[in-house]
Amino acid sequence: MTQPHPTTLVIERHGTASLRSRAVSAGIRRFLRPRLAKAAALPFDDRALRRAAALDRLAARAPAPRGVRTEKVRFDGFGAEWVRGPGAPSARDRVILYLHGGGWVCCGLNTHRRMIASFGSAAGVPALSVDYRMIPAVPFEREVEDCLTAYRWLLDERGVDPAHIVIMGDSAGGHLTFATALRARAEGLPMPAALAALSPMLDMDLTDKLAHANMGLDPSDPGVLLERLVEAFLGHLDLKDPAVSPVRADLAGLPPVLLTAGSTELLYCDSELMARRLAEAGVPVTLQVWDRQIHVFQMFGPYLPESRAAIRALGRFVRDALDGRLAAAPDGTPAGLESAG
């Protein structure tokens, strides 16, 4: 088998954290951190899962984002919706396939609609947001199946050119972004134009994360909660299996990738490791490191200067991908690092 030619890893460092974002981090440390610790101490039973599932229903009570248009899509056993933010065209021949985060147990169309619309507006394209089945409806390892079904539907039913699709997701959805692309590759489907993952969790073996310096720096202190999630829902799996932890997979042949993470969040080390593994596999990759930003800080939309800048950057990446400006590095490009920003 031909060995992949390593390519250059571009690291963009964005700093320094604004006063407003530092205030948000302080609030999370004071108010959210103890609640997450309390949640981690409770049993992960049906009652806890029902509470988690209620989050998306509660989000549905919020006013609809101004200027955002949606249209429901039904699949066999799950749903999705088209999301068109202000300024995005109605044509659906160039799209974002979005996979929401939520720890594989919560969130959905309602919690993520506003953020997804902002990504679509920045990129100038509509997004298909997938309401994939989660634990306990399906086990962890089957959540990717609905995501792959949605990708296949875009290709086969909608006739979208794979070069005009970017798969994107945050947190658990970032994991599913890679899992979907790897499963598509295994089934002989064409690769999308690019992948983008926001604060993804990509290594289910927590050993390195729990020993990382960010254990003491992440304002939400999610380590114990992650341990409980993995113990409760992945205990029957080999955590080092590439099908479970995408960072351990053969990554050769994946399309260009954008990874974004806050410098002090616990999951930063997953993005850092994945970026290096992608570069070693010959996949063009950019890692954006945002100074002291919280997990998926893009959710704050217009309210933080960093989230505004990150959304603009994601939009540029998607436009470049769909316009074919992210061509793979030529053979023989030397491995290395480039820093920017």
C-alpha atoms as a PDB file:
ATOM      1  CA  MET A   1       0.000   0.000   0.000  1.00  0.00           C
ATOM      2  CA  THR A   2       1.336   3.454  -0.924  1.00  0.00           C
ATOM      3  CA  GLN A   3       2.233   5.484   2.141  1.00  0.00           C
ATOM      4  CA  PRO A   4       0.602   8.937   2.338  1.00  0.00           C
ATOM      5  CA  HIS A   5       2.837  11.962   1.926  1.00  0.00           C
ATOM      6  CA  PRO A   6       2.733  14.102   5.083  1.00  0.00           C
ATOM      7  CA  THR A   7       1.466  17.614   4.579  1.00  0.00           C
ATOM      8  CA  THR A   8       1.825  20.865   6.458  1.00  0.00           C
ATOM      9  CA  LEU A   9      -0.286  21.477   9.544  1.00  0.00           C
ATOM     10  CA  VAL A  10      -1.373  25.121   9.776  1.00  0.00           C
ATOM     11  CA  ILE A  11      -1.967  26.356  13.322  1.00  0.00           C
ATOM     12  CA  GLU A  12      -3.809  29.656  13.690  1.00  0.00           C
ATOM     13  CA  ARG A  13      -3.557  31.167  17.164  1.00  0.00           C
ATOM     14  CA  HIS A  14      -6.254  33.692  17.986  1.00  0.00           C
ATOM     15  CA  GLY A  15      -5.806  35.831  21.102  1.00  0.00           C
ATOM     16  CA  THR A  16      -5.947  37.511  23.479  1.00  0.00           C
ATOM     17  CA  ALA A  17      -9.272  36.651  25.168  1.00  0.00           C
ATOM     18  CA  SER A  18     -11.585  39.648  25.374  1.00  0.00           C
ATOM     19  CA  LEU A  19     -12.897  40.989  28.676  1.00  0.00           C
ATOM     20  CA  ARG A  20     -16.377  39.856  27.695  1.00  0.00           C
ATOM     21  CA  SER A  21     -15.296  36.283  27.002  1.00  0.00           C
ATOM     22  CA  ARG A  22     -13.346  36.183  30.253  1.00  0.00           C
ATOM     23  CA  ALA A  23     -16.490  37.268  32.081  1.00  0.00           C
ATOM     24  CA  VAL A  24     -18.378  34.412  30.422  1.00  0.00           C
ATOM     25  CA  SER A  25     -15.710  31.943  31.549  1.00  0.00           C
ATOM     26  CA  ALA A  26     -15.915  33.271  35.106  1.00  0.00           C
ATOM     27  CA  GLY A  27     -19.689  32.870  35.074  1.00  0.00           C
ATOM     28  CA  ILE A  28     -19.391  29.292  33.865  1.00  0.00           C
ATOM     29  CA  ARG A  29     -16.839  28.524  36.562  1.00  0.00           C
ATOM     30  CA  ARG A  30     -19.122  29.950  39.235  1.00  0.00           C
ATOM     31  CA  PHE A  31     -22.572  28.796  38.102  1.00  0.00           C
ATOM     32  CA  LEU A  32     -22.319  25.948  35.569  1.00  0.00           C
ATOM     33  CA  ARG A  33     -19.361  24.088  37.055  1.00  0.00           C
ATOM     34  CA  PRO A  34     -21.139  23.056  40.300  1.00  0.00           C
ATOM     35  CA  ARG A  35     -24.219  21.975  38.335  1.00  0.00           C
ATOM     36  CA  LEU A  36     -22.138  19.757  36.066  1.00  0.00           C
ATOM     37  CA  ALA A  37     -20.458  18.258  39.127  1.00  0.00           C
ATOM     38  CA  LYS A  38     -23.873  17.548  40.621  1.00  0.00           C
ATOM     39  CA  ALA A  39     -25.042  15.937  37.364  1.00  0.00           C
ATOM     40  CA  ALA A  40     -21.941  13.746  37.296  1.00  0.00           C
ATOM     41  CA  ALA A  41     -22.728  12.487  40.802  1.00  0.00           C
ATOM     42  CA  LEU A  42     -26.235  11.333  39.862  1.00  0.00           C
ATOM     43  CA  PRO A  43     -26.966   7.936  38.303  1.00  0.00           C
ATOM     44  CA  PHE A  44     -27.192   7.935  34.505  1.00  0.00           C
ATOM     45  CA  ASP A  45     -30.576   6.224  34.500  1.00  0.00           C
ATOM     46  CA  ASP A  46     -33.740   6.716  32.441  1.00  0.00           C
ATOM     47  CA  ARG A  47     -34.731   9.704  34.557  1.00  0.00           C
ATOM     48  CA  ALA A  48     -31.431  11.450  33.870  1.00  0.00           C
ATOM     49  CA  LEU A  49     -31.747  10.760  30.148  1.00  0.00           C
ATOM     50  CA  ARG A  50     -35.288  12.162  30.110  1.00  0.00           C
ATOM     51  CA  ARG A  51     -34.019  15.345  31.765  1.00  0.00           C
ATOM     52  CA  ALA A  52     -31.274  15.609  29.172  1.00  0.00           C
ATOM     53  CA  ALA A  53     -33.736  15.075  26.316  1.00  0.00           C
ATOM     54  CA  ALA A  54     -35.964  17.838  27.686  1.00  0.00           C
ATOM     55  CA  LEU A  55     -33.294  20.419  26.883  1.00  0.00           C
ATOM     56  CA  ASP A  56     -34.215  20.522  23.201  1.00  0.00           C
ATOM     57  CA  ARG A  57     -37.923  20.817  24.029  1.00  0.00           C
ATOM     58  CA  LEU A  58     -37.199  23.736  26.345  1.00  0.00           C
ATOM     59  CA  ALA A  59     -35.167  25.398  23.599  1.00  0.00           C
ATOM     60  CA  ALA A  60     -38.203  25.179  21.321  1.00  0.00           C
ATOM     61  CA  ARG A  61     -39.968  27.734  23.555  1.00  0.00           C
ATOM     62  CA  ALA A  62     -37.469  30.441  22.646  1.00  0.00           C
ATOM     63  CA  PRO A  63     -38.506  32.906  19.937  1.00  0.00           C
ATOM     64  CA  ALA A  64     -37.550  31.844  16.422  1.00  0.00           C
ATOM     65  CA  PRO A  65     -34.296  33.461  15.289  1.00  0.00           C
ATOM     66  CA  ARG A  66     -35.084  36.560  13.263  1.00  0.00           C
ATOM     67  CA  GLY A  67     -34.805  36.065   9.529  1.00  0.00           C
ATOM     68  CA  VAL A  68     -34.161  32.314   9.777  1.00  0.00           C
ATOM     69  CA  ARG A  69     -36.218  29.988   7.565  1.00  0.00           C
ATOM     70  CA  THR A  70     -36.622  26.277   8.273  1.00  0.00           C
ATOM     71  CA  GLU A  71     -38.221  23.326   6.515  1.00  0.00           C
ATOM     72  CA  LYS A  72     -38.707  19.888   8.048  1.00  0.00           C
ATOM     73  CA  VAL A  73     -37.331  16.729   6.423  1.00  0.00           C
ATOM     74  CA  ARG A  74     -38.467  13.247   7.426  1.00  0.00           C
ATOM     75  CA  PHE A  75     -36.331  10.145   7.268  1.00  0.00           C
ATOM     76  CA  ASP A  76     -37.171   6.613   8.342  1.00  0.00           C
ATOM     77  CA  GLY A  77     -36.960   6.815  12.138  1.00  0.00           C
ATOM     78  CA  PHE A  78     -35.531  10.311  12.536  1.00  0.00           C
ATOM     79  CA  GLY A  79     -35.842  13.849  11.259  1.00  0.00           C
ATOM     80  CA  ALA A  80     -33.868  16.835  10.030  1.00  0.00           C
ATOM     81  CA  GLU A  81     -34.517  20.382   8.924  1.00  0.00           C
ATOM     82  CA  TRP A  82     -33.227  22.764   6.332  1.00  0.00           C
ATOM     83  CA  VAL A  83     -31.948  25.931   7.995  1.00  0.00           C
ATOM     84  CA  ARG A  84     -31.500  29.071   5.923  1.00  0.00           C
ATOM     85  CA  GLY A  85     -29.989  32.030   7.726  1.00  0.00           C
ATOM     86  CA  PRO A  86     -30.278  35.653   6.601  1.00  0.00           C
ATOM     87  CA  GLY A  87     -28.466  36.148   3.323  1.00  0.00           C
ATOM     88  CA  ALA A  88     -28.227  32.457   2.473  1.00  0.00           C
ATOM     89  CA  PRO A  89     -29.788  31.533  -0.896  1.00  0.00           C
ATOM     90  CA  SER A  90     -32.798  29.270  -1.227  1.00  0.00           C
ATOM     91  CA  ALA A  91     -30.966  27.001  -3.692  1.00  0.00           C
ATOM     92  CA  ARG A  92     -29.782  23.743  -2.120  1.00  0.00           C
ATOM     93  CA  ASP A  93     -27.054  22.706  -4.519  1.00  0.00           C
ATOM     94  CA  ARG A  94     -24.288  23.820  -2.106  1.00  0.00           C
ATOM     95  CA  VAL A  95     -24.904  22.850   1.520  1.00  0.00           C
ATOM     96  CA  ILE A  96     -23.585  22.319   5.022  1.00  0.00           C
ATOM     97  CA  LEU A  97     -24.546  18.969   6.553  1.00  0.00           C
ATOM     98  CA  TYR A  98     -24.655  19.803  10.262  1.00  0.00           C
ATOM     99  CA  LEU A  99     -24.415  17.290  13.131  1.00  0.00           C
ATOM    100  CA  HIS A 100     -25.233  18.838  16.500  1.00  0.00           C
ATOM    101  CA  GLY A 101     -23.406  18.235  19.756  1.00  0.00           C
ATOM    102  CA  GLY A 102     -24.826  17.297  23.142  1.00  0.00           C
ATOM    103  CA  GLY A 103     -22.790  14.424  24.534  1.00  0.00           C
ATOM    104  CA  TRP A 104     -24.631  11.824  22.411  1.00  0.00           C
ATOM    105  CA  VAL A 105     -27.640  12.137  24.755  1.00  0.00           C
ATOM    106  CA  CYS A 106     -29.188  15.590  24.351  1.00  0.00           C
ATOM    107  CA  CYS A 107     -29.716  18.763  22.272  1.00  0.00           C
ATOM    108  CA  GLY A 108     -31.090  18.812  18.740  1.00  0.00           C
ATOM    109  CA  LEU A 109     -32.701  21.006  16.119  1.00  0.00           C
ATOM    110  CA  ASN A 110     -33.950  23.636  18.556  1.00  0.00           C
ATOM    111  CA  THR A 111     -30.822  24.111  20.667  1.00  0.00           C
ATOM    112  CA  HIS A 112     -28.595  24.535  17.617  1.00  0.00           C
ATOM    113  CA  ARG A 113     -30.822  26.336  15.087  1.00  0.00           C
ATOM    114  CA  ARG A 114     -29.526  29.838  15.770  1.00  0.00           C
ATOM    115  CA  MET A 115     -25.844  28.851  15.629  1.00  0.00           C
ATOM    116  CA  ILE A 116     -26.316  26.756  12.494  1.00  0.00           C
ATOM    117  CA  ALA A 117     -28.116  29.652  10.811  1.00  0.00           C
ATOM    118  CA  SER A 118     -25.155  31.912  11.599  1.00  0.00           C
ATOM    119  CA  PHE A 119     -22.762  29.443   9.977  1.00  0.00           C
ATOM    120  CA  GLY A 120     -24.949  29.234   6.886  1.00  0.00           C
ATOM    121  CA  SER A 121     -25.209  33.002   6.648  1.00  0.00           C
ATOM    122  CA  ALA A 122     -21.433  33.393   6.944  1.00  0.00           C
ATOM    123  CA  ALA A 123     -20.870  30.765   4.252  1.00  0.00           C
ATOM    124  CA  GLY A 124     -23.738  31.876   2.007  1.00  0.00           C
ATOM    125  CA  VAL A 125     -25.345  28.413   1.899  1.00  0.00           C
ATOM    126  CA  PRO A 126     -28.260  26.598   3.571  1.00  0.00           C
ATOM    127  CA  ALA A 127     -27.639  23.825   6.093  1.00  0.00           C
ATOM    128  CA  LEU A 128     -29.295  20.465   6.636  1.00  0.00           C
ATOM    129  CA  SER A 129     -29.396  19.954  10.412  1.00  0.00           C
ATOM    130  CA  VAL A 130     -29.767  16.279  11.351  1.00  0.00           C
ATOM    131  CA  ASP A 131     -31.854  15.216  14.350  1.00  0.00           C
ATOM    132  CA  TYR A 132     -30.122  11.847  14.569  1.00  0.00           C
ATOM    133  CA  ARG A 133     -31.276   9.265  17.099  1.00  0.00           C
ATOM    134  CA  MET A 134     -29.323   9.302  20.338  1.00  0.00           C
ATOM    135  CA  ILE A 135     -28.847   7.272  23.491  1.00  0.00           C
ATOM    136  CA  PRO A 136     -31.075   5.585  24.721  1.00  0.00           C
ATOM    137  CA  ALA A 137     -33.003   5.216  21.421  1.00  0.00           C
ATOM    138  CA  VAL A 138     -29.867   3.741  19.848  1.00  0.00           C
ATOM    139  CA  PRO A 139     -26.482   2.837  21.354  1.00  0.00           C
ATOM    140  CA  PHE A 140     -23.505   5.151  20.918  1.00  0.00           C
ATOM    141  CA  GLU A 141     -22.025   3.202  18.023  1.00  0.00           C
ATOM    142  CA  ARG A 142     -25.217   3.430  15.931  1.00  0.00           C
ATOM    143  CA  GLU A 143     -25.729   7.202  16.063  1.00  0.00           C
ATOM    144  CA  VAL A 144     -23.507   7.594  13.013  1.00  0.00           C
ATOM    145  CA  GLU A 145     -25.950   5.558  10.906  1.00  0.00           C
ATOM    146  CA  ASP A 146     -28.539   8.350  10.721  1.00  0.00           C
ATOM    147  CA  CYS A 147     -25.819  10.872   9.870  1.00  0.00           C
ATOM    148  CA  LEU A 148     -24.626   8.672   7.013  1.00  0.00           C
ATOM    149  CA  THR A 149     -28.226   8.228   5.833  1.00  0.00           C
ATOM    150  CA  ALA A 150     -28.597  12.016   5.613  1.00  0.00           C
ATOM    151  CA  TYR A 151     -25.332  12.309   3.653  1.00  0.00           C
ATOM    152  CA  ARG A 152     -26.399   9.556   1.276  1.00  0.00           C
ATOM    153  CA  TRP A 153     -29.790  11.286   0.838  1.00  0.00           C
ATOM    154  CA  LEU A 154     -28.084  14.515  -0.224  1.00  0.00           C
ATOM    155  CA  LEU A 155     -26.068  12.581  -2.795  1.00  0.00           C
ATOM    156  CA  ASP A 156     -28.711  10.205  -4.140  1.00  0.00           C
ATOM    157  CA  GLU A 157     -32.088  11.877  -3.581  1.00  0.00           C
ATOM    158  CA  ARG A 158     -31.159  15.546  -3.822  1.00  0.00           C
ATOM    159  CA  GLY A 159     -28.407  15.021  -6.403  1.00  0.00           C
ATOM    160  CA  VAL A 160     -25.958  17.317  -4.623  1.00  0.00           C
ATOM    161  CA  ASP A 161     -22.397  17.074  -5.905  1.00  0.00           C
ATOM    162  CA  PRO A 162     -20.207  15.793  -3.027  1.00  0.00           C
ATOM    163  CA  ALA A 163     -17.773  18.605  -3.884  1.00  0.00           C
ATOM    164  CA  HIS A 164     -20.576  20.966  -2.834  1.00  0.00           C
ATOM    165  CA  ILE A 165     -21.110  19.477   0.649  1.00  0.00           C
ATOM    166  CA  VAL A 166     -19.243  20.341   3.850  1.00  0.00           C
ATOM    167  CA  ILE A 167     -19.899  18.137   6.874  1.00  0.00           C
ATOM    168  CA  MET A 168     -19.695  20.095  10.111  1.00  0.00           C
ATOM    169  CA  GLY A 169     -20.416  19.446  13.779  1.00  0.00           C
ATOM    170  CA  ASP A 170     -19.637  20.545  17.319  1.00  0.00           C
ATOM    171  CA  SER A 171     -18.485  18.487  20.314  1.00  0.00           C
ATOM    172  CA  ALA A 172     -20.172  15.065  19.968  1.00  0.00           C
ATOM    173  CA  GLY A 173     -21.245  16.238  16.523  1.00  0.00           C
ATOM    174  CA  GLY A 174     -17.573  16.830  15.727  1.00  0.00           C
ATOM    175  CA  HIS A 175     -16.966  13.178  16.555  1.00  0.00           C
ATOM    176  CA  LEU A 176     -19.852  12.233  14.255  1.00  0.00           C
ATOM    177  CA  THR A 177     -18.435  14.450  11.507  1.00  0.00           C
ATOM    178  CA  PHE A 178     -15.338  12.272  11.316  1.00  0.00           C
ATOM    179  CA  ALA A 179     -17.249   9.045  11.976  1.00  0.00           C
ATOM    180  CA  THR A 180     -19.610   9.840   9.083  1.00  0.00           C
ATOM    181  CA  ALA A 181     -16.790  10.611   6.657  1.00  0.00           C
ATOM    182  CA  LEU A 182     -14.907   7.449   7.650  1.00  0.00           C
ATOM    183  CA  ARG A 183     -18.032   5.307   7.297  1.00  0.00           C
ATOM    184  CA  ALA A 184     -18.791   6.910   3.915  1.00  0.00           C
ATOM    185  CA  ARG A 185     -15.250   6.117   2.769  1.00  0.00           C
ATOM    186  CA  ALA A 186     -15.610   2.506   3.953  1.00  0.00           C
ATOM    187  CA  GLU A 187     -18.853   2.137   1.982  1.00  0.00           C
ATOM    188  CA  GLY A 188     -17.352   3.551  -1.194  1.00  0.00           C
ATOM    189  CA  LEU A 189     -19.188   6.871  -1.132  1.00  0.00           C
ATOM    190  CA  PRO A 190     -17.428   9.968  -2.487  1.00  0.00           C
ATOM    191  CA  MET A 191     -15.879  12.310   0.034  1.00  0.00           C
ATOM    192  CA  PRO A 192     -17.423  15.726   0.725  1.00  0.00           C
ATOM    193  CA  ALA A 193     -15.535  18.918  -0.069  1.00  0.00           C
ATOM    194  CA  ALA A 194     -14.350  19.346   3.527  1.00  0.00           C
ATOM    195  CA  LEU A 195     -14.932  18.617   7.199  1.00  0.00           C
ATOM    196  CA  ALA A 196     -15.183  21.170  10.009  1.00  0.00           C
ATOM    197  CA  ALA A 197     -15.281  20.237  13.691  1.00  0.00           C
ATOM    198  CA  LEU A 198     -15.800  22.618  16.610  1.00  0.00           C
ATOM    199  CA  SER A 199     -14.336  21.433  19.927  1.00  0.00           C
ATOM    200  CA  PRO A 200     -14.757  17.786  18.909  1.00  0.00           C
ATOM    201  CA  MET A 201     -14.293  14.784  21.198  1.00  0.00           C
ATOM    202  CA  LEU A 202     -12.341  12.308  19.101  1.00  0.00           C
ATOM    203  CA  ASP A 203     -10.605   9.969  21.555  1.00  0.00           C
ATOM    204  CA  MET A 204     -12.932   8.042  23.860  1.00  0.00           C
ATOM    205  CA  ASP A 205      -9.951   6.754  25.857  1.00  0.00           C
ATOM    206  CA  LEU A 206      -9.762   9.538  28.446  1.00  0.00           C
ATOM    207  CA  THR A 207      -6.267   8.774  29.747  1.00  0.00           C
ATOM    208  CA  ASP A 208      -4.474  11.619  27.971  1.00  0.00           C
ATOM    209  CA  LYS A 209      -7.260  14.130  28.560  1.00  0.00           C
ATOM    210  CA  LEU A 210      -7.450  13.492  32.284  1.00  0.00           C
ATOM    211  CA  ALA A 211      -3.677  13.960  32.558  1.00  0.00           C
ATOM    212  CA  HIS A 212      -3.662  17.160  30.469  1.00  0.00           C
ATOM    213  CA  ALA A 213      -2.923  20.562  31.991  1.00  0.00           C
ATOM    214  CA  ASN A 214      -6.338  21.767  30.828  1.00  0.00           C
ATOM    215  CA  MET A 215      -7.972  19.590  33.500  1.00  0.00           C
ATOM    216  CA  GLY A 216      -7.224  22.454  35.857  1.00  0.00           C
ATOM    217  CA  LEU A 217      -7.916  25.230  33.367  1.00  0.00           C
ATOM    218  CA  ASP A 218     -11.271  24.372  31.773  1.00  0.00           C
ATOM    219  CA  PRO A 219     -13.820  26.543  33.613  1.00  0.00           C
ATOM    220  CA  SER A 220     -16.549  23.893  33.396  1.00  0.00           C
ATOM    221  CA  ASP A 221     -14.272  21.118  34.771  1.00  0.00           C
ATOM    222  CA  PRO A 222     -15.973  18.391  32.698  1.00  0.00           C
ATOM    223  CA  GLY A 223     -13.514  15.563  33.426  1.00  0.00           C
ATOM    224  CA  VAL A 224     -15.639  13.629  35.918  1.00  0.00           C
ATOM    225  CA  LEU A 225     -18.745  14.011  33.752  1.00  0.00           C
ATOM    226  CA  LEU A 226     -16.872  12.642  30.734  1.00  0.00           C
ATOM    227  CA  GLU A 227     -15.684   9.692  32.826  1.00  0.00           C
ATOM    228  CA  ARG A 228     -19.244   8.930  33.842  1.00  0.00           C
ATOM    229  CA  LEU A 229     -20.552   9.240  30.266  1.00  0.00           C
ATOM    230  CA  VAL A 230     -17.913   6.887  28.905  1.00  0.00           C
ATOM    231  CA  GLU A 231     -18.427   4.404  31.730  1.00  0.00           C
ATOM    232  CA  ALA A 232     -22.202   4.415  31.342  1.00  0.00           C
ATOM    233  CA  PHE A 233     -22.563   4.319  27.564  1.00  0.00           C
ATOM    234  CA  LEU A 234     -19.311   3.031  26.084  1.00  0.00           C
ATOM    235  CA  GLY A 235     -18.361   0.407  28.642  1.00  0.00           C
ATOM    236  CA  HIS A 236     -19.194  -2.408  26.203  1.00  0.00           C
ATOM    237  CA  LEU A 237     -16.834  -1.039  23.546  1.00  0.00           C
ATOM    238  CA  ASP A 238     -13.079  -1.051  22.947  1.00  0.00           C
ATOM    239  CA  LEU A 239     -12.283   2.625  23.421  1.00  0.00           C
ATOM    240  CA  LYS A 240      -9.179   2.314  21.245  1.00  0.00           C
ATOM    241  CA  ASP A 241     -11.151   0.903  18.321  1.00  0.00           C
ATOM    242  CA  PRO A 242     -10.901   3.397  15.406  1.00  0.00           C
ATOM    243  CA  ALA A 243     -14.658   3.025  14.903  1.00  0.00           C
ATOM    244  CA  VAL A 244     -15.107   4.403  18.425  1.00  0.00           C
ATOM    245  CA  SER A 245     -12.228   6.895  18.534  1.00  0.00           C
ATOM    246  CA  PRO A 246     -11.750   8.483  15.056  1.00  0.00           C
ATOM    247  CA  VAL A 247      -8.375   9.937  16.027  1.00  0.00           C
ATOM    248  CA  ARG A 248      -7.037   6.357  15.907  1.00  0.00           C
ATOM    249  CA  ALA A 249      -8.395   5.605  12.411  1.00  0.00           C
ATOM    250  CA  ASP A 250      -6.586   5.476   9.082  1.00  0.00           C
ATOM    251  CA  LEU A 251      -7.234   9.060   8.011  1.00  0.00           C
ATOM    252  CA  ALA A 252      -5.676   8.965   4.548  1.00  0.00           C
ATOM    253  CA  GLY A 253      -8.020  10.139   1.823  1.00  0.00           C
ATOM    254  CA  LEU A 254     -10.177  12.407   3.972  1.00  0.00           C
ATOM    255  CA  PRO A 255     -10.917  15.866   2.533  1.00  0.00           C
ATOM    256  CA  PRO A 256      -9.420  19.102   3.932  1.00  0.00           C
ATOM    257  CA  VAL A 257     -10.271  19.716   7.584  1.00  0.00           C
ATOM    258  CA  LEU A 258     -10.784  22.710   9.861  1.00  0.00           C
ATOM    259  CA  LEU A 259     -10.556  22.117  13.620  1.00  0.00           C
ATOM    260  CA  THR A 260     -11.374  24.820  16.177  1.00  0.00           C
ATOM    261  CA  ALA A 261     -10.926  24.706  19.945  1.00  0.00           C
ATOM    262  CA  GLY A 262     -10.381  26.946  22.952  1.00  0.00           C
ATOM    263  CA  SER A 263      -6.834  26.861  24.302  1.00  0.00           C
ATOM    264  CA  THR A 264      -7.913  25.935  27.834  1.00  0.00           C
ATOM    265  CA  GLU A 265     -10.854  23.605  27.214  1.00  0.00           C
ATOM    266  CA  LEU A 266     -10.332  19.958  28.119  1.00  0.00           C
ATOM    267  CA  LEU A 267     -11.122  18.715  24.623  1.00  0.00           C
ATOM    268  CA  TYR A 268      -8.413  20.899  23.068  1.00  0.00           C
ATOM    269  CA  CYS A 269      -5.978  17.985  23.247  1.00  0.00           C
ATOM    270  CA  ASP A 270      -8.245  15.924  20.946  1.00  0.00           C
ATOM    271  CA  SER A 271      -8.112  18.606  18.252  1.00  0.00           C
ATOM    272  CA  GLU A 272      -4.364  18.975  18.669  1.00  0.00           C
ATOM    273  CA  LEU A 273      -3.777  15.231  18.304  1.00  0.00           C
ATOM    274  CA  MET A 274      -6.207  14.880  15.391  1.00  0.00           C
ATOM    275  CA  ALA A 275      -4.550  17.776  13.546  1.00  0.00           C
ATOM    276  CA  ARG A 276      -1.163  16.077  13.746  1.00  0.00           C
ATOM    277  CA  ARG A 277      -2.575  12.699  12.740  1.00  0.00           C
ATOM    278  CA  LEU A 278      -4.322  14.248   9.734  1.00  0.00           C
ATOM    279  CA  ALA A 279      -1.152  16.010   8.609  1.00  0.00           C
ATOM    280  CA  GLU A 280       0.794  12.750   8.920  1.00  0.00           C
ATOM    281  CA  ALA A 281      -1.856  11.079   6.745  1.00  0.00           C
ATOM    282  CA  GLY A 282      -1.478  13.730   4.031  1.00  0.00           C
ATOM    283  CA  VAL A 283      -4.761  15.511   4.773  1.00  0.00           C
ATOM    284  CA  PRO A 284      -4.645  19.341   4.577  1.00  0.00           C
ATOM    285  CA  VAL A 285      -5.641  20.600   8.017  1.00  0.00           C
ATOM    286  CA  THR A 286      -5.930  23.895   9.849  1.00  0.00           C
ATOM    287  CA  LEU A 287      -6.164  24.022  13.641  1.00  0.00           C
ATOM    288  CA  GLN A 288      -7.579  27.246  15.059  1.00  0.00           C
ATOM    289  CA  VAL A 289      -6.661  27.791  18.708  1.00  0.00           C
ATOM    290  CA  TRP A 290      -8.744  30.493  20.386  1.00  0.00           C
ATOM    291  CA  ASP A 291      -7.226  31.986  23.531  1.00  0.00           C
ATOM    292  CA  ARG A 292      -9.070  30.872  26.707  1.00  0.00           C
ATOM    293  CA  GLN A 293     -12.370  30.299  24.937  1.00  0.00           C
ATOM    294  CA  ILE A 294     -14.928  27.897  26.370  1.00  0.00           C
ATOM    295  CA  HIS A 295     -16.213  24.735  24.744  1.00  0.00           C
ATOM    296  CA  VAL A 296     -18.096  25.589  21.504  1.00  0.00           C
ATOM    297  CA  PHE A 297     -17.878  29.322  22.207  1.00  0.00           C
ATOM    298  CA  GLN A 298     -19.382  29.960  18.753  1.00  0.00           C
ATOM    299  CA  MET A 299     -22.774  29.432  20.407  1.00  0.00           C
ATOM    300  CA  PHE A 300     -22.598  33.018  21.682  1.00  0.00           C
ATOM    301  CA  GLY A 301     -22.986  34.324  18.130  1.00  0.00           C
ATOM    302  CA  PRO A 302     -22.925  38.137  18.002  1.00  0.00           C
ATOM    303  CA  TYR A 303     -22.377  38.560  21.750  1.00  0.00           C
ATOM    304  CA  LEU A 304     -18.644  37.814  21.871  1.00  0.00           C
ATOM    305  CA  PRO A 305     -15.982  39.244  19.542  1.00  0.00           C
ATOM    306  CA  GLU A 306     -14.327  35.809  19.399  1.00  0.00           C
ATOM    307  CA  SER A 307     -17.528  34.015  18.399  1.00  0.00           C
ATOM    308  CA  ARG A 308     -18.184  36.610  15.684  1.00  0.00           C
ATOM    309  CA  ALA A 309     -14.666  36.178  14.325  1.00  0.00           C
ATOM    310  CA  ALA A 310     -14.837  32.376  14.507  1.00  0.00           C
ATOM    311  CA  ILE A 311     -18.148  32.299  12.639  1.00  0.00           C
ATOM    312  CA  ARG A 312     -16.677  34.495   9.894  1.00  0.00           C
ATOM    313  CA  ALA A 313     -13.667  32.160   9.673  1.00  0.00           C
ATOM    314  CA  LEU A 314     -15.909  29.101   9.395  1.00  0.00           C
ATOM    315  CA  GLY A 315     -17.850  30.832   6.650  1.00  0.00           C
ATOM    316  CA  ARG A 316     -14.648  31.541   4.706  1.00  0.00           C
ATOM    317  CA  PHE A 317     -13.543  27.935   5.093  1.00  0.00           C
ATOM    318  CA  VAL A 318     -16.850  26.610   3.773  1.00  0.00           C
ATOM    319  CA  ARG A 319     -16.841  29.023   0.819  1.00  0.00           C
ATOM    320  CA  ASP A 320     -13.260  28.094  -0.056  1.00  0.00           C
ATOM    321  CA  ALA A 321     -14.106  24.391   0.169  1.00  0.00           C
ATOM    322  CA  LEU A 322     -17.192  24.655  -2.025  1.00  0.00           C
ATOM    323  CA  ASP A 323     -15.319  26.804  -4.544  1.00  0.00           C
ATOM    324  CA  GLY A 324     -12.553  24.195  -4.806  1.00  0.00           C
ATOM    325  CA  ARG A 325      -9.880  26.373  -3.231  1.00  0.00           C
ATOM    326  CA  LEU A 326      -8.860  23.766  -0.639  1.00  0.00           C
ATOM    327  CA  ALA A 327      -7.132  21.340  -2.990  1.00  0.00           C
ATOM    328  CA  ALA A 328      -5.086  18.625  -1.335  1.00  0.00           C
ATOM    329  CA  ALA A 329      -1.395  19.351  -0.917  1.00  0.00           C
ATOM    330  CA  PRO A 330       0.773  18.087  -3.809  1.00  0.00           C
ATOM    331  CA  ASP A 331       2.702  14.861  -3.365  1.00  0.00           C
ATOM    332  CA  GLY A 332       5.960  15.280  -1.580  1.00  0.00           C
ATOM    333  CA  THR A 333       4.976  18.287   0.511  1.00  0.00           C
ATOM    334  CA  PRO A 334       7.179  18.093   3.593  1.00  0.00           C
ATOM    335  CA  ALA A 335       5.665  17.598   7.022  1.00  0.00           C
ATOM    336  CA  GLY A 336       5.825  20.596   9.263  1.00  0.00           C
ATOM    337  CA  LEU A 337       4.057  23.355  11.125  1.00  0.00           C
ATOM    338  CA  GLU A 338       2.972  26.789  10.057  1.00  0.00           C
ATOM    339  CA  SER A 339       1.695  29.285  12.559  1.00  0.00           C
ATOM    340  CA  ALA A 340      -0.603  32.137  11.720  1.00  0.00           C
ATOM    341  CA  GLY A 341      -2.698  34.677  13.514  1.00  0.00           C
END
